[in-house]
N, C-alpha and C. Protein backbone atom coordinates (compact mmCIF):
# COMPACT_ATOMS: atom_id res chain seq x y z
N UNK A 1 -6.51 -4.64 -9.40
CA UNK A 1 -5.28 -5.38 -9.57
C UNK A 1 -4.19 -4.55 -10.20
N UNK A 2 -4.58 -3.45 -10.80
CA UNK A 2 -3.56 -2.61 -11.45
C UNK A 2 -2.90 -1.64 -10.48
N UNK A 3 -3.32 -1.66 -9.23
CA UNK A 3 -2.75 -0.75 -8.25
C UNK A 3 -3.44 0.60 -8.29
N UNK A 4 -2.85 1.55 -7.59
CA UNK A 4 -3.42 2.90 -7.53
C UNK A 4 -2.94 3.74 -8.70
N UNK A 5 -3.82 4.61 -9.15
CA UNK A 5 -3.46 5.58 -10.17
C UNK A 5 -2.45 6.57 -9.57
N UNK A 6 -1.51 7.02 -10.38
CA UNK A 6 -0.48 7.96 -9.92
C UNK A 6 -1.11 9.22 -9.31
N UNK A 7 -2.22 9.69 -9.89
CA UNK A 7 -2.89 10.88 -9.36
C UNK A 7 -3.39 10.64 -7.95
N UNK A 8 -3.94 9.47 -7.69
CA UNK A 8 -4.42 9.15 -6.34
C UNK A 8 -3.26 9.13 -5.35
N UNK A 9 -2.16 8.51 -5.72
CA UNK A 9 -1.01 8.45 -4.81
C UNK A 9 -0.48 9.85 -4.51
N UNK A 10 -0.41 10.70 -5.51
CA UNK A 10 0.06 12.07 -5.30
C UNK A 10 -0.93 12.86 -4.44
N UNK A 11 -2.22 12.59 -4.57
CA UNK A 11 -3.23 13.24 -3.74
C UNK A 11 -3.08 12.81 -2.29
N UNK A 12 -2.86 11.53 -2.06
CA UNK A 12 -2.63 11.03 -0.69
C UNK A 12 -1.42 11.71 -0.09
N UNK A 13 -0.33 11.78 -0.85
CA UNK A 13 0.89 12.43 -0.36
C UNK A 13 0.62 13.90 -0.03
N UNK A 14 -0.13 14.59 -0.89
CA UNK A 14 -0.42 16.01 -0.67
C UNK A 14 -1.32 16.23 0.54
N UNK A 15 -2.23 15.29 0.81
CA UNK A 15 -3.15 15.43 1.95
C UNK A 15 -2.45 15.16 3.28
N UNK A 16 -1.32 14.46 3.25
CA UNK A 16 -0.50 14.18 4.43
C UNK A 16 -1.23 13.52 5.59
N UNK A 17 -1.99 12.44 5.33
CA UNK A 17 -2.59 11.74 6.47
C UNK A 17 -1.50 11.13 7.34
N UNK A 18 -1.78 10.99 8.63
CA UNK A 18 -0.79 10.41 9.55
C UNK A 18 -0.54 8.94 9.25
N UNK A 19 -1.61 8.23 8.86
CA UNK A 19 -1.51 6.79 8.58
C UNK A 19 -2.23 6.48 7.27
N UNK A 20 -1.72 5.49 6.59
CA UNK A 20 -2.36 4.97 5.38
C UNK A 20 -2.41 3.45 5.52
N UNK A 21 -3.57 2.87 5.29
CA UNK A 21 -3.71 1.41 5.23
C UNK A 21 -4.01 1.07 3.77
N UNK A 22 -3.16 0.27 3.19
CA UNK A 22 -3.27 -0.07 1.77
C UNK A 22 -3.55 -1.57 1.70
N UNK A 23 -4.63 -1.96 1.01
CA UNK A 23 -4.98 -3.37 0.83
C UNK A 23 -4.85 -3.69 -0.65
N UNK A 24 -4.13 -4.76 -0.96
CA UNK A 24 -3.87 -5.10 -2.35
C UNK A 24 -3.91 -6.60 -2.56
N UNK A 25 -4.31 -6.99 -3.76
CA UNK A 25 -4.28 -8.41 -4.13
C UNK A 25 -3.14 -8.71 -5.10
N UNK A 26 -2.31 -7.69 -5.38
CA UNK A 26 -1.22 -7.86 -6.33
C UNK A 26 0.09 -7.39 -5.70
N UNK A 27 0.96 -8.32 -5.32
CA UNK A 27 2.21 -7.93 -4.65
C UNK A 27 3.09 -7.00 -5.49
N UNK A 28 3.08 -7.16 -6.80
CA UNK A 28 3.92 -6.32 -7.66
C UNK A 28 3.46 -4.86 -7.64
N UNK A 29 2.15 -4.63 -7.79
CA UNK A 29 1.67 -3.25 -7.77
C UNK A 29 1.72 -2.68 -6.36
N UNK A 30 1.56 -3.53 -5.36
CA UNK A 30 1.70 -3.06 -3.98
C UNK A 30 3.12 -2.53 -3.76
N UNK A 31 4.12 -3.29 -4.17
CA UNK A 31 5.52 -2.86 -4.01
C UNK A 31 5.77 -1.55 -4.75
N UNK A 32 5.25 -1.44 -5.96
CA UNK A 32 5.42 -0.22 -6.75
C UNK A 32 4.81 0.98 -6.04
N UNK A 33 3.57 0.82 -5.56
CA UNK A 33 2.85 1.93 -4.93
C UNK A 33 3.44 2.28 -3.57
N UNK A 34 3.90 1.28 -2.82
CA UNK A 34 4.55 1.57 -1.53
C UNK A 34 5.82 2.38 -1.75
N UNK A 35 6.56 2.08 -2.80
CA UNK A 35 7.78 2.84 -3.10
C UNK A 35 7.43 4.31 -3.37
N UNK A 36 6.37 4.56 -4.12
CA UNK A 36 5.95 5.94 -4.41
C UNK A 36 5.56 6.65 -3.12
N UNK A 37 4.80 5.98 -2.26
CA UNK A 37 4.40 6.58 -0.99
C UNK A 37 5.62 6.80 -0.09
N UNK A 38 6.54 5.87 -0.08
CA UNK A 38 7.76 6.03 0.72
C UNK A 38 8.59 7.20 0.20
N UNK A 39 8.69 7.34 -1.10
CA UNK A 39 9.41 8.48 -1.68
C UNK A 39 8.69 9.79 -1.36
N UNK A 40 7.39 9.70 -1.08
CA UNK A 40 6.59 10.88 -0.73
C UNK A 40 6.56 11.18 0.76
N UNK A 41 7.36 10.48 1.54
CA UNK A 41 7.47 10.81 2.96
C UNK A 41 6.82 9.84 3.93
N UNK A 42 6.47 8.65 3.45
CA UNK A 42 5.86 7.65 4.33
C UNK A 42 6.83 6.51 4.60
N UNK A 43 6.61 5.85 5.72
CA UNK A 43 7.41 4.68 6.10
C UNK A 43 6.47 3.49 6.23
N UNK A 44 6.82 2.39 5.58
CA UNK A 44 6.04 1.17 5.71
C UNK A 44 6.42 0.49 7.02
N UNK A 45 5.44 0.34 7.91
CA UNK A 45 5.70 -0.30 9.20
C UNK A 45 5.47 -1.80 9.16
N UNK A 46 4.46 -2.21 8.42
CA UNK A 46 4.10 -3.63 8.44
C UNK A 46 3.35 -3.99 7.17
N UNK A 47 3.61 -5.18 6.67
CA UNK A 47 2.83 -5.76 5.57
C UNK A 47 2.40 -7.14 6.04
N UNK A 48 1.10 -7.38 6.03
CA UNK A 48 0.55 -8.64 6.53
C UNK A 48 -0.24 -9.34 5.42
N UNK A 49 0.18 -10.54 4.99
CA UNK A 49 -0.64 -11.29 4.05
C UNK A 49 -1.89 -11.83 4.74
N UNK A 50 -2.98 -11.87 4.01
CA UNK A 50 -4.25 -12.37 4.55
C UNK A 50 -4.82 -13.35 3.53
N UNK A 51 -5.03 -14.58 3.97
CA UNK A 51 -5.57 -15.62 3.08
C UNK A 51 -7.09 -15.55 3.10
N UNK A 52 -7.63 -14.71 2.22
CA UNK A 52 -9.08 -14.53 2.14
C UNK A 52 -9.75 -15.63 1.29
N UNK A 53 -8.95 -16.32 0.50
CA UNK A 53 -9.49 -17.33 -0.41
C UNK A 53 -8.73 -18.64 -0.21
N UNK A 54 -9.07 -19.37 0.86
CA UNK A 54 -8.36 -20.62 1.16
C UNK A 54 -8.37 -21.59 -0.03
N UNK A 55 -7.30 -22.35 -0.12
CA UNK A 55 -7.14 -23.38 -1.15
C UNK A 55 -6.99 -22.80 -2.55
N UNK A 56 -6.60 -21.51 -2.64
CA UNK A 56 -6.26 -20.90 -3.93
C UNK A 56 -4.91 -20.22 -3.77
N UNK A 57 -4.37 -19.74 -4.88
CA UNK A 57 -3.08 -19.04 -4.85
C UNK A 57 -3.24 -17.56 -4.53
N UNK A 58 -4.47 -17.09 -4.37
CA UNK A 58 -4.73 -15.66 -4.15
C UNK A 58 -4.52 -15.27 -2.69
N UNK A 59 -3.76 -14.20 -2.49
CA UNK A 59 -3.49 -13.68 -1.15
C UNK A 59 -3.63 -12.17 -1.17
N UNK A 60 -4.39 -11.64 -0.22
CA UNK A 60 -4.47 -10.18 -0.04
C UNK A 60 -3.32 -9.75 0.86
N UNK A 61 -2.86 -8.54 0.69
CA UNK A 61 -1.83 -7.98 1.57
C UNK A 61 -2.33 -6.65 2.12
N UNK A 62 -2.17 -6.48 3.42
CA UNK A 62 -2.52 -5.22 4.08
C UNK A 62 -1.22 -4.57 4.53
N UNK A 63 -1.03 -3.31 4.14
CA UNK A 63 0.19 -2.58 4.51
C UNK A 63 -0.19 -1.38 5.36
N UNK A 64 0.59 -1.13 6.39
CA UNK A 64 0.41 0.04 7.25
C UNK A 64 1.60 0.98 7.03
N UNK A 65 1.28 2.21 6.65
CA UNK A 65 2.31 3.23 6.45
C UNK A 65 2.03 4.40 7.39
N UNK A 66 3.08 5.05 7.85
CA UNK A 66 2.94 6.25 8.68
C UNK A 66 3.77 7.37 8.08
N UNK A 67 3.31 8.59 8.31
CA UNK A 67 4.04 9.77 7.83
C UNK A 67 5.32 9.91 8.64
N UNK A 68 6.44 10.09 7.94
CA UNK A 68 7.72 10.31 8.63
C UNK A 68 7.71 11.68 9.27
N UNK A 69 8.39 11.80 10.40
CA UNK A 69 8.47 13.08 11.10
C UNK A 69 9.44 14.02 10.43
């Protein structure tokens, strides 16, 4: 729930994968981490909420990012 560690995000950026799929249960940390990845050269293509726990307030979010050319 605390999001990704800064070291992990910088490692992902340094490895330069073509695509990153990020799954999060916390919209605030997801937004924070997506901004770091976007500043590192990625573009967020899609964010899809997924109701894994019906009848609760909890929602997972799946984000797809691609490396900018």
